[in-house]
Amino acid sequence: MVDMTEPRVFGDPYETPDGTTVLPVHRPVGVFAVRDGQAKWEPAYDATRVALLGVGVGLVAATLAGIAMVHRPPWPDLRARGR
């Protein structure tokens, strides 16, 4: 029986069919995979997808800023009258 009153960082280890022992980690989210005596950290997110999202947001921001700088306002020009 697991005592749920005390905080846990690591989950219960389990072994996959190929012999890898997986140890879930709750903070930060991911797992330690132990294969052939070597431990490797596997994050629960895809770093490539996060990087592509950042590039996409940057491109959209640059496009909108460029449009805002080139576009003239819809109201007429306000000019001071000469003397």
C-alpha atoms as a PDB file:
ATOM      1  CA  MET A   1       0.000   0.000   0.000  1.00  0.00           C
ATOM      2  CA  VAL A   2       1.344   3.435  -0.972  1.00  0.00           C
ATOM      3  CA  ASP A   3       1.132   6.254   1.575  1.00  0.00           C
ATOM      4  CA  MET A   4      -0.443   9.160  -0.373  1.00  0.00           C
ATOM      5  CA  THR A   5      -0.030  11.654   2.483  1.00  0.00           C
ATOM      6  CA  GLU A   6       3.682  12.237   1.914  1.00  0.00           C
ATOM      7  CA  PRO A   7       4.841  14.011  -1.257  1.00  0.00           C
ATOM      8  CA  ARG A   8       6.523  11.809  -3.849  1.00  0.00           C
ATOM      9  CA  VAL A   9       8.864  12.839  -6.606  1.00  0.00           C
ATOM     10  CA  PHE A  10       9.452   9.399  -8.136  1.00  0.00           C
ATOM     11  CA  GLY A  11       6.734   6.961  -9.129  1.00  0.00           C
ATOM     12  CA  ASP A  12       6.884   3.188  -8.885  1.00  0.00           C
ATOM     13  CA  PRO A  13       9.429   1.669 -11.305  1.00  0.00           C
ATOM     14  CA  TYR A  14       8.278  -0.827 -13.915  1.00  0.00           C
ATOM     15  CA  GLU A  15      10.019  -2.939 -16.525  1.00  0.00           C
ATOM     16  CA  THR A  16       9.125  -2.908 -20.232  1.00  0.00           C
ATOM     17  CA  PRO A  17       9.167  -6.049 -22.409  1.00  0.00           C
ATOM     18  CA  ASP A  18      12.565  -5.123 -23.887  1.00  0.00           C
ATOM     19  CA  GLY A  19      14.175  -5.064 -20.413  1.00  0.00           C
ATOM     20  CA  THR A  20      14.194  -1.289 -19.825  1.00  0.00           C
ATOM     21  CA  THR A  21      13.337  -0.192 -16.308  1.00  0.00           C
ATOM     22  CA  VAL A  22      11.257   3.004 -16.342  1.00  0.00           C
ATOM     23  CA  LEU A  23      11.172   5.279 -13.289  1.00  0.00           C
ATOM     24  CA  PRO A  24       8.515   8.043 -13.610  1.00  0.00           C
ATOM     25  CA  VAL A  25       9.452  11.481 -12.217  1.00  0.00           C
ATOM     26  CA  HIS A  26       6.661  13.883 -11.221  1.00  0.00           C
ATOM     27  CA  ARG A  27       8.601  17.191 -10.825  1.00  0.00           C
ATOM     28  CA  PRO A  28       9.691  17.972 -13.551  1.00  0.00           C
ATOM     29  CA  VAL A  29       7.538  15.734 -15.681  1.00  0.00           C
ATOM     30  CA  GLY A  30       9.421  12.931 -17.409  1.00  0.00           C
ATOM     31  CA  VAL A  31      10.997   9.533 -16.782  1.00  0.00           C
ATOM     32  CA  PHE A  32      14.389   8.010 -16.127  1.00  0.00           C
ATOM     33  CA  ALA A  33      14.879   5.020 -18.428  1.00  0.00           C
ATOM     34  CA  VAL A  34      17.494   2.506 -17.237  1.00  0.00           C
ATOM     35  CA  ARG A  35      18.787   0.215 -19.975  1.00  0.00           C
ATOM     36  CA  ASP A  36      21.918  -1.946 -19.718  1.00  0.00           C
ATOM     37  CA  GLY A  37      22.902  -0.217 -16.477  1.00  0.00           C
ATOM     38  CA  GLN A  38      22.782   3.277 -18.056  1.00  0.00           C
ATOM     39  CA  ALA A  39      20.177   5.841 -16.910  1.00  0.00           C
ATOM     40  CA  LYS A  40      18.827   8.342 -19.429  1.00  0.00           C
ATOM     41  CA  TRP A  41      16.405  11.219 -18.747  1.00  0.00           C
ATOM     42  CA  GLU A  42      13.415  11.303 -21.116  1.00  0.00           C
ATOM     43  CA  PRO A  43      11.362  14.519 -20.853  1.00  0.00           C
ATOM     44  CA  ALA A  44       7.615  14.311 -21.331  1.00  0.00           C
ATOM     45  CA  TYR A  45       7.618  17.058 -23.968  1.00  0.00           C
ATOM     46  CA  ASP A  46       9.001  17.225 -27.487  1.00  0.00           C
ATOM     47  CA  ALA A  47      11.724  19.923 -27.623  1.00  0.00           C
ATOM     48  CA  THR A  48      11.520  20.135 -31.428  1.00  0.00           C
ATOM     49  CA  ARG A  49       7.812  20.918 -31.313  1.00  0.00           C
ATOM     50  CA  VAL A  50       8.383  23.623 -28.668  1.00  0.00           C
ATOM     51  CA  ALA A  51      11.137  25.204 -30.799  1.00  0.00           C
ATOM     52  CA  LEU A  52       8.947  25.196 -33.913  1.00  0.00           C
ATOM     53  CA  LEU A  53       6.135  26.828 -31.960  1.00  0.00           C
ATOM     54  CA  GLY A  54       8.529  29.586 -30.844  1.00  0.00           C
ATOM     55  CA  VAL A  55       9.682  30.198 -34.426  1.00  0.00           C
ATOM     56  CA  GLY A  56       6.066  30.345 -35.625  1.00  0.00           C
ATOM     57  CA  VAL A  57       5.089  32.868 -32.958  1.00  0.00           C
ATOM     58  CA  GLY A  58       8.121  35.002 -33.867  1.00  0.00           C
ATOM     59  CA  LEU A  59       7.227  34.982 -37.572  1.00  0.00           C
ATOM     60  CA  VAL A  60       3.630  35.989 -36.882  1.00  0.00           C
ATOM     61  CA  ALA A  61       4.763  38.792 -34.561  1.00  0.00           C
ATOM     62  CA  ALA A  62       7.264  40.101 -37.130  1.00  0.00           C
ATOM     63  CA  THR A  63       4.639  40.002 -39.896  1.00  0.00           C
ATOM     64  CA  LEU A  64       2.060  41.878 -37.832  1.00  0.00           C
ATOM     65  CA  ALA A  65       4.638  44.479 -36.769  1.00  0.00           C
ATOM     66  CA  GLY A  66       5.672  45.022 -40.403  1.00  0.00           C
ATOM     67  CA  ILE A  67       2.066  45.463 -41.508  1.00  0.00           C
ATOM     68  CA  ALA A  68       1.413  47.913 -38.668  1.00  0.00           C
ATOM     69  CA  MET A  69       4.450  49.995 -39.628  1.00  0.00           C
ATOM     70  CA  VAL A  70       3.550  50.213 -43.334  1.00  0.00           C
ATOM     71  CA  HIS A  71      -0.202  50.666 -43.021  1.00  0.00           C
ATOM     72  CA  ARG A  72      -1.431  54.256 -42.801  1.00  0.00           C
ATOM     73  CA  PRO A  73      -4.106  55.123 -40.239  1.00  0.00           C
ATOM     74  CA  PRO A  74      -7.662  55.515 -41.638  1.00  0.00           C
ATOM     75  CA  TRP A  75      -8.098  59.090 -40.372  1.00  0.00           C
ATOM     76  CA  PRO A  76      -6.912  62.124 -42.400  1.00  0.00           C
ATOM     77  CA  ASP A  77      -3.545  63.732 -41.862  1.00  0.00           C
ATOM     78  CA  LEU A  78      -3.557  66.492 -39.263  1.00  0.00           C
ATOM     79  CA  ARG A  79      -1.406  69.397 -40.368  1.00  0.00           C
ATOM     80  CA  ALA A  80      -0.851  72.752 -38.779  1.00  0.00           C
ATOM     81  CA  ARG A  81      -2.094  75.635 -40.939  1.00  0.00           C
ATOM     82  CA  GLY A  82       0.601  77.942 -42.185  1.00  0.00           C
ATOM     83  CA  ARG A  83       0.724  81.623 -41.200  1.00  0.00           C
END
